[in-house]
């Protein structure tokens, strides 16, 4: 099983968010992350760090737009 970097998972999560926003393949992000972890258990920390990075970016963007 190949281990992926945080940036790989950041891109995967961003793609899933864009798919959800565009109405393509709508799937809750929580379920998508759970599936990623189930398929790549050794990458749990990379997936979690990617999620936290995306969350931080979204919160900062929302905070800056006020």
PDB file of N, CA and C in Angstrom:
ATOM      1  N   UNK A   1       0.849  -1.168   0.000  1.00  0.00           N
ATOM      2  CA  UNK A   1       0.000   0.000   0.000  1.00  0.00           C
ATOM      3  C   UNK A   1       0.901   1.240   0.000  1.00  0.00           C
ATOM      4  N   UNK A   2       0.646   2.140  -0.913  1.00  0.00           N
ATOM      5  CA  UNK A   2       1.436   3.351  -1.042  1.00  0.00           C
ATOM      6  C   UNK A   2       0.965   4.405  -0.058  1.00  0.00           C
ATOM      7  N   UNK A   3       1.914   5.061   0.583  1.00  0.00           N
ATOM      8  CA  UNK A   3       1.594   6.142   1.501  1.00  0.00           C
ATOM      9  C   UNK A   3       1.626   7.456   0.734  1.00  0.00           C
ATOM     10  N   UNK A   4       0.619   8.299   0.986  1.00  0.00           N
ATOM     11  CA  UNK A   4       0.534   9.574   0.281  1.00  0.00           C
ATOM     12  C   UNK A   4       0.830  10.726   1.229  1.00  0.00           C
ATOM     13  N   UNK A   5       1.199  11.844   0.637  1.00  0.00           N
ATOM     14  CA  UNK A   5       1.539  13.017   1.423  1.00  0.00           C
ATOM     15  C   UNK A   5       0.293  13.812   1.806  1.00  0.00           C
ATOM     16  N   UNK A   6       0.485  14.736   2.727  1.00  0.00           N
ATOM     17  CA  UNK A   6      -0.608  15.612   3.148  1.00  0.00           C
ATOM     18  C   UNK A   6      -1.135  16.393   1.950  1.00  0.00           C
ATOM     19  N   UNK A   7      -0.228  16.895   1.095  1.00  0.00           N
ATOM     20  CA  UNK A   7      -0.671  17.683  -0.063  1.00  0.00           C
ATOM     21  C   UNK A   7      -1.544  16.851  -1.007  1.00  0.00           C
ATOM     22  N   UNK A   8      -1.255  15.558  -1.128  1.00  0.00           N
ATOM     23  CA  UNK A   8      -2.098  14.690  -1.946  1.00  0.00           C
ATOM     24  C   UNK A   8      -3.519  14.676  -1.402  1.00  0.00           C
ATOM     25  N   UNK A   9      -3.652  14.502  -0.080  1.00  0.00           N
ATOM     26  CA  UNK A   9      -4.979  14.449   0.524  1.00  0.00           C
ATOM     27  C   UNK A   9      -5.658  15.817   0.549  1.00  0.00           C
ATOM     28  N   UNK A  10      -4.889  16.878   0.667  1.00  0.00           N
ATOM     29  CA  UNK A  10      -5.477  18.223   0.557  1.00  0.00           C
ATOM     30  C   UNK A  10      -6.136  18.366  -0.805  1.00  0.00           C
ATOM     31  N   UNK A  11      -5.439  17.958  -1.848  1.00  0.00           N
ATOM     32  CA  UNK A  11      -6.006  18.036  -3.196  1.00  0.00           C
ATOM     33  C   UNK A  11      -7.238  17.151  -3.341  1.00  0.00           C
ATOM     34  N   UNK A  12      -7.203  15.961  -2.752  1.00  0.00           N
ATOM     35  CA  UNK A  12      -8.359  15.059  -2.806  1.00  0.00           C
ATOM     36  C   UNK A  12      -9.573  15.682  -2.118  1.00  0.00           C
ATOM     37  N   UNK A  13      -9.361  16.263  -0.938  1.00  0.00           N
ATOM     38  CA  UNK A  13     -10.465  16.873  -0.200  1.00  0.00           C
ATOM     39  C   UNK A  13     -10.999  18.107  -0.918  1.00  0.00           C
ATOM     40  N   UNK A  14     -10.106  18.917  -1.473  1.00  0.00           N
ATOM     41  CA  UNK A  14     -10.560  20.096  -2.232  1.00  0.00           C
ATOM     42  C   UNK A  14     -11.386  19.670  -3.443  1.00  0.00           C
ATOM     43  N   UNK A  15     -10.956  18.614  -4.103  1.00  0.00           N
ATOM     44  CA  UNK A  15     -11.709  18.118  -5.256  1.00  0.00           C
ATOM     45  C   UNK A  15     -13.095  17.646  -4.832  1.00  0.00           C
ATOM     46  N   UNK A  16     -13.174  16.953  -3.703  1.00  0.00           N
ATOM     47  CA  UNK A  16     -14.474  16.484  -3.212  1.00  0.00           C
ATOM     48  C   UNK A  16     -15.366  17.665  -2.844  1.00  0.00           C
ATOM     49  N   UNK A  17     -14.805  18.685  -2.225  1.00  0.00           N
ATOM     50  CA  UNK A  17     -15.586  19.884  -1.887  1.00  0.00           C
ATOM     51  C   UNK A  17     -16.107  20.543  -3.160  1.00  0.00           C
ATOM     52  N   UNK A  18     -15.266  20.653  -4.178  1.00  0.00           N
ATOM     53  CA  UNK A  18     -15.697  21.263  -5.443  1.00  0.00           C
ATOM     54  C   UNK A  18     -16.789  20.418  -6.101  1.00  0.00           C
ATOM     55  N   UNK A  19     -16.672  19.107  -6.038  1.00  0.00           N
ATOM     56  CA  UNK A  19     -17.709  18.234  -6.579  1.00  0.00           C
ATOM     57  C   UNK A  19     -19.030  18.458  -5.856  1.00  0.00           C
ATOM     58  N   UNK A  20     -18.956  18.593  -4.523  1.00  0.00           N
ATOM     59  CA  UNK A  20     -20.171  18.848  -3.748  1.00  0.00           C
ATOM     60  C   UNK A  20     -20.781  20.200  -4.102  1.00  0.00           C
ATOM     61  N   UNK A  21     -19.949  21.212  -4.277  1.00  0.00           N
ATOM     62  CA  UNK A  21     -20.460  22.547  -4.608  1.00  0.00           C
ATOM     63  C   UNK A  21     -21.079  22.595  -5.999  1.00  0.00           C
ATOM     64  N   UNK A  22     -20.519  21.830  -6.916  1.00  0.00           N
ATOM     65  CA  UNK A  22     -21.033  21.841  -8.283  1.00  0.00           C
ATOM     66  C   UNK A  22     -22.208  20.892  -8.471  1.00  0.00           C
ATOM     67  N   UNK A  23     -22.515  20.103  -7.448  1.00  0.00           N
ATOM     68  CA  UNK A  23     -23.635  19.176  -7.539  1.00  0.00           C
ATOM     69  C   UNK A  23     -23.264  17.831  -8.128  1.00  0.00           C
ATOM     70  N   UNK A  24     -21.982  17.625  -8.433  1.00  0.00           N
ATOM     71  CA  UNK A  24     -21.524  16.347  -8.969  1.00  0.00           C
ATOM     72  C   UNK A  24     -21.165  15.415  -7.812  1.00  0.00           C
ATOM     73  N   UNK A  25     -21.675  14.230  -7.836  1.00  0.00           N
ATOM     74  CA  UNK A  25     -21.293  13.203  -6.857  1.00  0.00           C
ATOM     75  C   UNK A  25     -21.345  13.739  -5.427  1.00  0.00           C
ATOM     76  N   UNK A  26     -22.468  14.276  -5.023  1.00  0.00           N
ATOM     77  CA  UNK A  26     -22.585  14.847  -3.681  1.00  0.00           C
ATOM     78  C   UNK A  26     -22.436  13.744  -2.638  1.00  0.00           C
ATOM     79  N   UNK A  27     -21.469  13.945  -1.759  1.00  0.00           N
ATOM     80  CA  UNK A  27     -21.206  13.013  -0.670  1.00  0.00           C
ATOM     81  C   UNK A  27     -20.718  13.846   0.513  1.00  0.00           C
ATOM     82  N   UNK A  28     -21.279  13.634   1.678  1.00  0.00           N
ATOM     83  CA  UNK A  28     -20.802  14.397   2.839  1.00  0.00           C
ATOM     84  C   UNK A  28     -19.293  14.216   3.021  1.00  0.00           C
ATOM     85  N   UNK A  29     -18.617  15.296   3.342  1.00  0.00           N
ATOM     86  CA  UNK A  29     -17.166  15.255   3.492  1.00  0.00           C
ATOM     87  C   UNK A  29     -16.748  14.275   4.580  1.00  0.00           C
ATOM     88  N   UNK A  30     -17.521  14.188   5.642  1.00  0.00           N
ATOM     89  CA  UNK A  30     -17.205  13.265   6.737  1.00  0.00           C
ATOM     90  C   UNK A  30     -17.172  11.817   6.234  1.00  0.00           C
ATOM     91  N   UNK A  31     -18.127  11.449   5.398  1.00  0.00           N
ATOM     92  CA  UNK A  31     -18.147  10.088   4.849  1.00  0.00           C
ATOM     93  C   UNK A  31     -16.975   9.861   3.902  1.00  0.00           C
ATOM     94  N   UNK A  32     -16.651  10.885   3.121  1.00  0.00           N
ATOM     95  CA  UNK A  32     -15.522  10.781   2.197  1.00  0.00           C
ATOM     96  C   UNK A  32     -14.216  10.569   2.969  1.00  0.00           C
ATOM     97  N   UNK A  33     -14.027  11.325   4.050  1.00  0.00           N
ATOM     98  CA  UNK A  33     -12.825  11.197   4.868  1.00  0.00           C
ATOM     99  C   UNK A  33     -12.775   9.823   5.524  1.00  0.00           C
ATOM    100  N   UNK A  34     -13.908   9.368   6.033  1.00  0.00           N
ATOM    101  CA  UNK A  34     -13.964   8.035   6.654  1.00  0.00           C
ATOM    102  C   UNK A  34     -13.553   6.958   5.643  1.00  0.00           C
ATOM    103  N   UNK A  35     -14.040   7.081   4.409  1.00  0.00           N
ATOM    104  CA  UNK A  35     -13.690   6.111   3.365  1.00  0.00           C
ATOM    105  C   UNK A  35     -12.190   6.172   3.059  1.00  0.00           C
ATOM    106  N   UNK A  36     -11.639   7.382   2.982  1.00  0.00           N
ATOM    107  CA  UNK A  36     -10.203   7.510   2.740  1.00  0.00           C
ATOM    108  C   UNK A  36      -9.402   6.817   3.837  1.00  0.00           C
ATOM    109  N   UNK A  37      -9.820   7.015   5.093  1.00  0.00           N
ATOM    110  CA  UNK A  37      -9.107   6.401   6.213  1.00  0.00           C
ATOM    111  C   UNK A  37      -9.252   4.883   6.188  1.00  0.00           C
ATOM    112  N   UNK A  38     -10.440   4.388   5.860  1.00  0.00           N
ATOM    113  CA  UNK A  38     -10.639   2.936   5.777  1.00  0.00           C
ATOM    114  C   UNK A  38      -9.774   2.324   4.683  1.00  0.00           C
ATOM    115  N   UNK A  39      -9.637   3.033   3.560  1.00  0.00           N
ATOM    116  CA  UNK A  39      -8.841   2.525   2.442  1.00  0.00           C
ATOM    117  C   UNK A  39      -7.346   2.716   2.647  1.00  0.00           C
ATOM    118  N   UNK A  40      -6.975   3.698   3.479  1.00  0.00           N
ATOM    119  CA  UNK A  40      -5.563   4.027   3.693  1.00  0.00           C
ATOM    120  C   UNK A  40      -5.280   4.217   5.182  1.00  0.00           C
ATOM    121  N   UNK A  41      -5.424   3.166   5.985  1.00  0.00           N
ATOM    122  CA  UNK A  41      -5.280   3.324   7.436  1.00  0.00           C
ATOM    123  C   UNK A  41      -3.896   3.820   7.869  1.00  0.00           C
ATOM    124  N   UNK A  42      -2.869   3.513   7.109  1.00  0.00           N
ATOM    125  CA  UNK A  42      -1.528   3.977   7.463  1.00  0.00           C
ATOM    126  C   UNK A  42      -1.355   5.479   7.249  1.00  0.00           C
ATOM    127  N   UNK A  43      -2.252   6.088   6.479  1.00  0.00           N
ATOM    128  CA  UNK A  43      -2.177   7.513   6.182  1.00  0.00           C
ATOM    129  C   UNK A  43      -3.138   8.332   7.044  1.00  0.00           C
ATOM    130  N   UNK A  44      -3.596   7.737   8.137  1.00  0.00           N
ATOM    131  CA  UNK A  44      -4.572   8.422   8.988  1.00  0.00           C
ATOM    132  C   UNK A  44      -4.113   9.831   9.361  1.00  0.00           C
ATOM    133  N   UNK A  45      -2.865   9.975   9.801  1.00  0.00           N
ATOM    134  CA  UNK A  45      -2.407  11.294  10.235  1.00  0.00           C
ATOM    135  C   UNK A  45      -2.316  12.270   9.071  1.00  0.00           C
ATOM    136  N   UNK A  46      -1.921  11.802   7.896  1.00  0.00           N
ATOM    137  CA  UNK A  46      -1.867  12.684   6.719  1.00  0.00           C
ATOM    138  C   UNK A  46      -3.265  13.139   6.321  1.00  0.00           C
ATOM    139  N   UNK A  47      -4.229  12.235   6.375  1.00  0.00           N
ATOM    140  CA  UNK A  47      -5.612  12.577   6.036  1.00  0.00           C
ATOM    141  C   UNK A  47      -6.165  13.562   7.057  1.00  0.00           C
ATOM    142  N   UNK A  48      -5.911  13.308   8.325  1.00  0.00           N
ATOM    143  CA  UNK A  48      -6.381  14.199   9.379  1.00  0.00           C
ATOM    144  C   UNK A  48      -5.739  15.583   9.244  1.00  0.00           C
ATOM    145  N   UNK A  49      -4.429  15.634   9.007  1.00  0.00           N
ATOM    146  CA  UNK A  49      -3.751  16.921   8.828  1.00  0.00           C
ATOM    147  C   UNK A  49      -4.275  17.665   7.610  1.00  0.00           C
ATOM    148  N   UNK A  50      -4.578  16.937   6.550  1.00  0.00           N
ATOM    149  CA  UNK A  50      -5.146  17.566   5.350  1.00  0.00           C
ATOM    150  C   UNK A  50      -6.506  18.172   5.670  1.00  0.00           C
ATOM    151  N   UNK A  51      -7.340  17.439   6.401  1.00  0.00           N
ATOM    152  CA  UNK A  51      -8.652  17.945   6.791  1.00  0.00           C
ATOM    153  C   UNK A  51      -8.516  19.205   7.637  1.00  0.00           C
ATOM    154  N   UNK A  52      -7.620  19.177   8.617  1.00  0.00           N
ATOM    155  CA  UNK A  52      -7.429  20.347   9.478  1.00  0.00           C
ATOM    156  C   UNK A  52      -6.906  21.544   8.697  1.00  0.00           C
ATOM    157  N   UNK A  53      -6.058  21.302   7.711  1.00  0.00           N
ATOM    158  CA  UNK A  53      -5.551  22.385   6.863  1.00  0.00           C
ATOM    159  C   UNK A  53      -6.675  23.013   6.057  1.00  0.00           C
ATOM    160  N   UNK A  54      -7.516  22.175   5.453  1.00  0.00           N
ATOM    161  CA  UNK A  54      -8.656  22.669   4.674  1.00  0.00           C
ATOM    162  C   UNK A  54      -9.615  23.431   5.578  1.00  0.00           C
ATOM    163  N   UNK A  55      -9.898  22.890   6.744  1.00  0.00           N
ATOM    164  CA  UNK A  55     -10.810  23.539   7.688  1.00  0.00           C
ATOM    165  C   UNK A  55     -10.264  24.914   8.077  1.00  0.00           C
ATOM    166  N   UNK A  56      -8.986  24.989   8.365  1.00  0.00           N
ATOM    167  CA  UNK A  56      -8.344  26.250   8.737  1.00  0.00           C
ATOM    168  C   UNK A  56      -8.461  27.262   7.595  1.00  0.00           C
ATOM    169  N   UNK A  57      -8.220  26.808   6.364  1.00  0.00           N
ATOM    170  CA  UNK A  57      -8.335  27.695   5.198  1.00  0.00           C
ATOM    171  C   UNK A  57      -9.758  28.231   5.062  1.00  0.00           C
ATOM    172  N   UNK A  58     -10.744  27.366   5.239  1.00  0.00           N
ATOM    173  CA  UNK A  58     -12.137  27.792   5.105  1.00  0.00           C
ATOM    174  C   UNK A  58     -12.531  28.767   6.206  1.00  0.00           C
ATOM    175  N   UNK A  59     -12.104  28.504   7.425  1.00  0.00           N
ATOM    176  CA  UNK A  59     -12.428  29.401   8.540  1.00  0.00           C
ATOM    177  C   UNK A  59     -11.771  30.763   8.335  1.00  0.00           C
ATOM    178  N   UNK A  60     -10.513  30.767   7.910  1.00  0.00           N
ATOM    179  CA  UNK A  60      -9.828  32.036   7.656  1.00  0.00           C
ATOM    180  C   UNK A  60     -10.496  32.808   6.534  1.00  0.00           C
ATOM    181  N   UNK A  61     -10.934  32.114   5.490  1.00  0.00           N
ATOM    182  CA  UNK A  61     -11.602  32.760   4.377  1.00  0.00           C
ATOM    183  C   UNK A  61     -12.922  33.364   4.830  1.00  0.00           C
ATOM    184  N   UNK A  62     -13.679  32.629   5.625  1.00  0.00           N
ATOM    185  CA  UNK A  62     -14.955  33.145   6.137  1.00  0.00           C
ATOM    186  C   UNK A  62     -14.724  34.319   7.075  1.00  0.00           C
ATOM    187  N   UNK A  63     -13.717  34.238   7.902  1.00  0.00           N
ATOM    188  CA  UNK A  63     -13.423  35.299   8.858  1.00  0.00           C
ATOM    189  C   UNK A  63     -12.967  36.568   8.122  1.00  0.00           C
ATOM    190  N   UNK A  64     -12.148  36.404   7.071  1.00  0.00           N
ATOM    191  CA  UNK A  64     -11.652  37.555   6.310  1.00  0.00           C
ATOM    192  C   UNK A  64     -12.740  38.238   5.498  1.00  0.00           C
ATOM    193  N   UNK A  65     -13.796  37.524   5.164  1.00  0.00           N
ATOM    194  CA  UNK A  65     -14.860  38.100   4.330  1.00  0.00           C
ATOM    195  C   UNK A  65     -15.856  38.928   5.132  1.00  0.00           C
ATOM    196  N   UNK A  66     -15.736  38.948   6.449  1.00  0.00           N
ATOM    197  CA  UNK A  66     -16.667  39.714   7.277  1.00  0.00           C
ATOM    198  C   UNK A  66     -16.376  41.169   7.250  1.00  0.00           C
TER     199      UNK A  66
END
